[in-house]
């Protein structure tokens, strides 16, 4: 399982970046959250932090 970002819903607010304990999420040049799957802990902190429900753990 890993965090997946719905780029159509992500607003680039950075809430997930701030909450990720593994620093596995960054914002792209287009201000879309990007998950480094090799660093993701599957903890769900980003999913809980996203105000737009743009992240799911799959």
C-alpha atoms as a PDB file:
ATOM      1  CA  UNK A   1       0.000   0.000   0.000  1.00  0.00           C
ATOM      2  CA  UNK A   2       1.124   3.521  -0.727  1.00  0.00           C
ATOM      3  CA  UNK A   3      -0.277   7.047  -0.807  1.00  0.00           C
ATOM      4  CA  UNK A   4      -1.738   8.056  -4.173  1.00  0.00           C
ATOM      5  CA  UNK A   5      -2.460  11.657  -5.151  1.00  0.00           C
ATOM      6  CA  UNK A   6      -5.374  12.639  -7.365  1.00  0.00           C
ATOM      7  CA  UNK A   7      -3.729  15.471  -9.319  1.00  0.00           C
ATOM      8  CA  UNK A   8      -7.106  16.755 -10.510  1.00  0.00           C
ATOM      9  CA  UNK A   9      -8.161  17.433  -6.911  1.00  0.00           C
ATOM     10  CA  UNK A  10      -4.827  18.469  -5.353  1.00  0.00           C
ATOM     11  CA  UNK A  11      -4.509  22.230  -4.853  1.00  0.00           C
ATOM     12  CA  UNK A  12      -0.872  22.199  -3.737  1.00  0.00           C
ATOM     13  CA  UNK A  13      -1.662  23.534  -0.271  1.00  0.00           C
ATOM     14  CA  UNK A  14       1.213  21.544   1.283  1.00  0.00           C
ATOM     15  CA  UNK A  15      -0.717  20.153   4.249  1.00  0.00           C
ATOM     16  CA  UNK A  16       0.397  16.638   3.358  1.00  0.00           C
ATOM     17  CA  UNK A  17       4.031  17.712   3.031  1.00  0.00           C
ATOM     18  CA  UNK A  18       3.961  19.170   6.537  1.00  0.00           C
ATOM     19  CA  UNK A  19       2.334  16.063   8.049  1.00  0.00           C
ATOM     20  CA  UNK A  20       4.415  13.328   6.412  1.00  0.00           C
ATOM     21  CA  UNK A  21       6.722  11.844   9.084  1.00  0.00           C
ATOM     22  CA  UNK A  22       8.958  10.275   6.417  1.00  0.00           C
ATOM     23  CA  UNK A  23       9.351  13.413   4.272  1.00  0.00           C
ATOM     24  CA  UNK A  24       8.096  11.301   1.368  1.00  0.00           C
ATOM     25  CA  UNK A  25       5.910  14.017  -0.159  1.00  0.00           C
ATOM     26  CA  UNK A  26       6.989  17.085  -2.071  1.00  0.00           C
ATOM     27  CA  UNK A  27       5.284  19.588  -4.334  1.00  0.00           C
ATOM     28  CA  UNK A  28       6.008  19.514  -8.055  1.00  0.00           C
ATOM     29  CA  UNK A  29       6.707  22.607 -10.134  1.00  0.00           C
ATOM     30  CA  UNK A  30       2.979  22.583 -10.889  1.00  0.00           C
ATOM     31  CA  UNK A  31       2.159  22.623  -7.146  1.00  0.00           C
ATOM     32  CA  UNK A  32       0.843  19.076  -7.120  1.00  0.00           C
ATOM     33  CA  UNK A  33       1.782  16.691  -4.305  1.00  0.00           C
ATOM     34  CA  UNK A  34       4.157  13.924  -5.359  1.00  0.00           C
ATOM     35  CA  UNK A  35       4.770  10.831  -3.223  1.00  0.00           C
ATOM     36  CA  UNK A  36       8.143   9.083  -3.183  1.00  0.00           C
ATOM     37  CA  UNK A  37       6.781   5.544  -2.979  1.00  0.00           C
ATOM     38  CA  UNK A  38      10.091   4.140  -1.753  1.00  0.00           C
ATOM     39  CA  UNK A  39       9.964   6.424   1.310  1.00  0.00           C
ATOM     40  CA  UNK A  40       6.211   6.254   2.046  1.00  0.00           C
ATOM     41  CA  UNK A  41       5.367   4.559   5.357  1.00  0.00           C
ATOM     42  CA  UNK A  42       1.693   3.985   4.452  1.00  0.00           C
ATOM     43  CA  UNK A  43       0.758   5.645   7.747  1.00  0.00           C
ATOM     44  CA  UNK A  44      -2.150   7.710   6.413  1.00  0.00           C
ATOM     45  CA  UNK A  45      -1.056  11.012   7.956  1.00  0.00           C
ATOM     46  CA  UNK A  46      -1.165  12.701   4.559  1.00  0.00           C
ATOM     47  CA  UNK A  47      -4.614  11.309   3.807  1.00  0.00           C
ATOM     48  CA  UNK A  48      -5.937  12.677   7.099  1.00  0.00           C
ATOM     49  CA  UNK A  49      -4.242  16.064   6.574  1.00  0.00           C
ATOM     50  CA  UNK A  50      -5.533  16.711   3.049  1.00  0.00           C
ATOM     51  CA  UNK A  51      -8.453  19.175   3.183  1.00  0.00           C
ATOM     52  CA  UNK A  52      -9.458  18.275  -0.395  1.00  0.00           C
ATOM     53  CA  UNK A  53      -9.444  14.474  -0.053  1.00  0.00           C
ATOM     54  CA  UNK A  54      -6.887  14.304  -2.862  1.00  0.00           C
ATOM     55  CA  UNK A  55      -4.840  11.531  -1.219  1.00  0.00           C
ATOM     56  CA  UNK A  56      -5.807   7.933  -0.670  1.00  0.00           C
ATOM     57  CA  UNK A  57      -3.837   4.991   0.677  1.00  0.00           C
ATOM     58  CA  UNK A  58      -4.056   2.190  -1.881  1.00  0.00           C
END
